[in-house]
Protein backbone atom coordinates (compact mmCIF):
# COMPACT_ATOMS: atom_id res chain seq x y z
CA MET A 1 57.68 86.97 96.85
CA SER A 2 55.27 88.78 99.22
CA VAL A 3 55.83 89.71 102.70
CA LYS A 4 53.48 86.98 103.86
CA ASP A 5 56.24 84.54 102.30
CA VAL A 6 59.10 86.26 104.35
CA LYS A 7 59.63 84.57 107.94
CA ILE A 8 61.28 86.77 110.68
CA ILE A 9 63.71 84.69 113.15
CA PRO A 10 65.87 85.87 115.80
CA VAL A 11 69.57 85.95 114.98
CA THR A 12 71.38 84.18 117.82
CA GLU A 13 74.98 84.12 116.16
CA GLU A 14 76.30 86.00 113.11
CA THR A 15 77.67 84.35 110.40
CA GLU A 16 79.99 85.27 107.62
CA ALA A 17 76.99 85.20 105.38
CA PHE A 18 75.21 87.41 107.54
CA ASP A 19 77.93 89.99 107.85
CA ALA A 20 78.44 89.70 104.16
CA PHE A 21 74.70 90.57 103.30
CA ILE A 22 74.99 93.71 106.03
CA ARG A 23 78.09 94.86 104.30
CA ASP A 24 77.09 93.94 100.22
CA THR A 25 73.55 95.30 100.86
CA PHE A 26 74.61 98.78 102.11
CA ALA A 27 77.51 98.98 99.42
CA VAL A 28 75.15 98.33 96.72
CA HIS A 29 72.44 100.55 97.90
CA ALA A 30 74.58 103.54 98.73
CA GLU A 31 76.44 103.33 95.29
CA SER A 32 72.89 103.20 93.68
CA HIS A 33 72.70 106.61 94.75
CA GLY A 34 76.24 107.65 93.59
CA ILE A 35 77.67 107.56 97.28
CA ARG A 36 80.73 105.37 98.10
CA GLY A 37 79.91 103.21 101.32
CA ARG A 38 81.55 100.17 102.88
CA TYR A 39 80.01 98.76 105.94
CA GLU A 40 83.04 97.13 108.07
CA PRO A 41 83.08 96.16 111.69
CA PHE A 42 86.26 97.04 113.68
CA ALA A 43 87.02 95.69 117.27
CA TYR A 44 90.20 96.48 119.46
CA GLU A 45 91.40 94.60 122.58
CA ALA A 46 93.55 95.82 125.57
CA LYS A 47 95.52 93.04 126.59
CA ALA A 48 97.42 92.65 130.22
CA GLY A 49 99.29 89.49 129.48
CA ASP A 50 96.50 86.94 129.07
CA GLU A 51 93.81 88.82 130.42
CA THR A 52 91.50 91.14 128.45
CA ALA A 53 91.72 94.65 130.02
CA GLY A 54 89.11 96.06 127.74
CA VAL A 55 87.50 96.48 124.15
CA VAL A 56 86.16 98.63 121.90
CA THR A 57 83.93 97.69 118.93
CA GLY A 58 81.74 99.28 116.10
CA HIS A 59 81.61 99.74 112.43
CA THR A 60 82.10 102.10 109.66
CA LEU A 61 79.83 103.32 107.11
CA TYR A 62 80.08 105.82 104.30
CA HIS A 63 82.58 108.40 106.06
CA GLU A 64 81.50 107.67 110.03
CA ALA A 65 82.25 105.16 112.30
CA HIS A 66 79.94 104.13 115.25
CA VAL A 67 81.41 102.89 118.55
CA SER A 68 78.89 100.17 119.54
CA GLU A 69 80.88 98.82 122.93
CA LEU A 70 83.66 100.48 125.24
CA ILE A 71 83.86 98.25 127.91
CA VAL A 72 86.81 98.49 130.39
CA ALA A 73 86.88 95.43 133.15
CA GLU A 74 86.66 97.04 136.42
CA ALA A 75 90.34 96.25 137.70
CA TYR A 76 91.42 98.77 134.77
CA ARG A 77 89.27 101.37 135.00
CA GLY A 78 90.62 105.10 135.78
CA GLN A 79 94.06 103.82 134.01
CA GLY A 80 93.54 105.11 130.89
CA VAL A 81 92.95 102.00 129.37
CA GLY A 82 89.43 103.07 127.73
CA THR A 83 91.35 106.33 126.55
CA ALA A 84 94.09 104.05 125.07
CA LEU A 85 91.33 101.90 123.12
CA LEU A 86 89.43 105.15 121.65
CA ASN A 87 92.82 106.57 120.66
CA ALA A 88 93.54 103.40 118.71
CA ALA A 89 90.23 103.26 117.35
CA GLU A 90 90.11 106.86 116.25
CA ARG A 91 93.57 106.70 114.31
CA ASP A 92 92.56 103.67 112.32
CA LEU A 93 89.51 104.93 111.74
CA LYS A 94 90.40 108.21 110.67
CA ALA A 95 93.20 106.33 108.51
CA ARG A 96 90.28 104.26 106.79
CA GLY A 97 88.60 107.63 105.85
CA ALA A 98 86.35 108.28 108.43
CA ARG A 99 85.63 111.87 109.27
CA TYR A 100 82.91 111.58 111.95
CA VAL A 101 82.79 108.93 114.92
CA THR A 102 79.58 108.28 116.87
CA VAL A 103 78.80 106.97 120.36
CA SER A 104 75.81 106.71 122.79
CA THR A 105 76.14 105.99 126.51
CA HIS A 106 73.60 106.13 129.32
CA ARG A 107 74.00 108.75 132.46
CA PHE A 108 75.25 106.19 134.91
CA GLN A 109 77.78 105.03 132.46
CA ALA A 110 80.46 107.48 130.63
CA PRO A 111 79.14 110.68 129.77
CA GLY A 112 81.80 112.95 131.10
CA PHE A 113 84.30 110.26 129.46
CA TYR A 114 83.29 111.41 126.07
CA GLU A 115 82.95 114.74 126.40
CA LYS A 116 86.73 114.94 128.16
CA ARG A 117 87.72 113.28 124.85
CA GLY A 118 86.44 115.92 122.49
CA TYR A 119 83.30 114.28 121.60
CA ARG A 120 80.63 116.86 121.23
CA LEU A 121 76.63 116.11 122.99
CA GLU A 122 74.09 116.14 120.13
CA TYR A 123 71.41 115.13 121.86
CA VAL A 124 69.70 113.62 125.36
CA ARG A 125 66.92 110.95 125.36
CA GLU A 126 65.55 111.71 128.76
CA ASP A 127 64.08 108.73 130.50
CA ARG A 128 61.25 109.58 132.81
CA ASP A 129 61.28 106.30 134.61
CA ASP A 130 64.59 106.13 135.52
CA PRO A 131 66.93 109.32 134.75
CA ALA A 132 70.23 107.20 134.98
CA LEU A 133 69.06 105.14 131.80
CA SER A 134 68.90 108.74 129.78
CA LYS A 135 70.87 108.35 126.75
CA TYR A 136 73.47 110.61 125.69
CA TYR A 137 74.11 110.79 121.83
CA PHE A 138 77.91 112.08 120.98
CA VAL A 139 80.07 112.55 117.74
CA LYS A 140 83.57 113.49 117.34
CA ASP A 141 84.60 115.14 114.09
CA LEU A 142 87.87 113.59 113.66
CA THR A 143 89.19 116.07 110.91
CA GLU A 144 89.22 119.13 113.74
CA LYS A 145 92.39 119.52 115.54
CA GLU A 146 92.36 119.21 118.77
């Protein structure tokens, strides 16, 4: 089979087979290099009664975790919901063997939030057209004492 036989299609809904392909392909490739690797998604939800107050999602791979989304409903912002979600995720991720957590956020979103929670700024990609969309890349070492 050659690349001309491959059709690229958009994925509109992830299936178990799609997730298994990601998870298993990462693991096999890592193991071929003597590295134990397991791609595992994670998600936590903050509930206020029947209402979702916030969510945090991401994945682990090797000894790292990456936060993809941390979203708190407007009515619950500034009340510690985001901190509680991040703390819960970090505790569980550390127990799973993650040493580092990475996250990216835009200037208009929450760089200060992550800095206050022990995340170290690694890089800023400045957006020349709209500075509010400059992207901040953070990492937190879960093995360090706070």
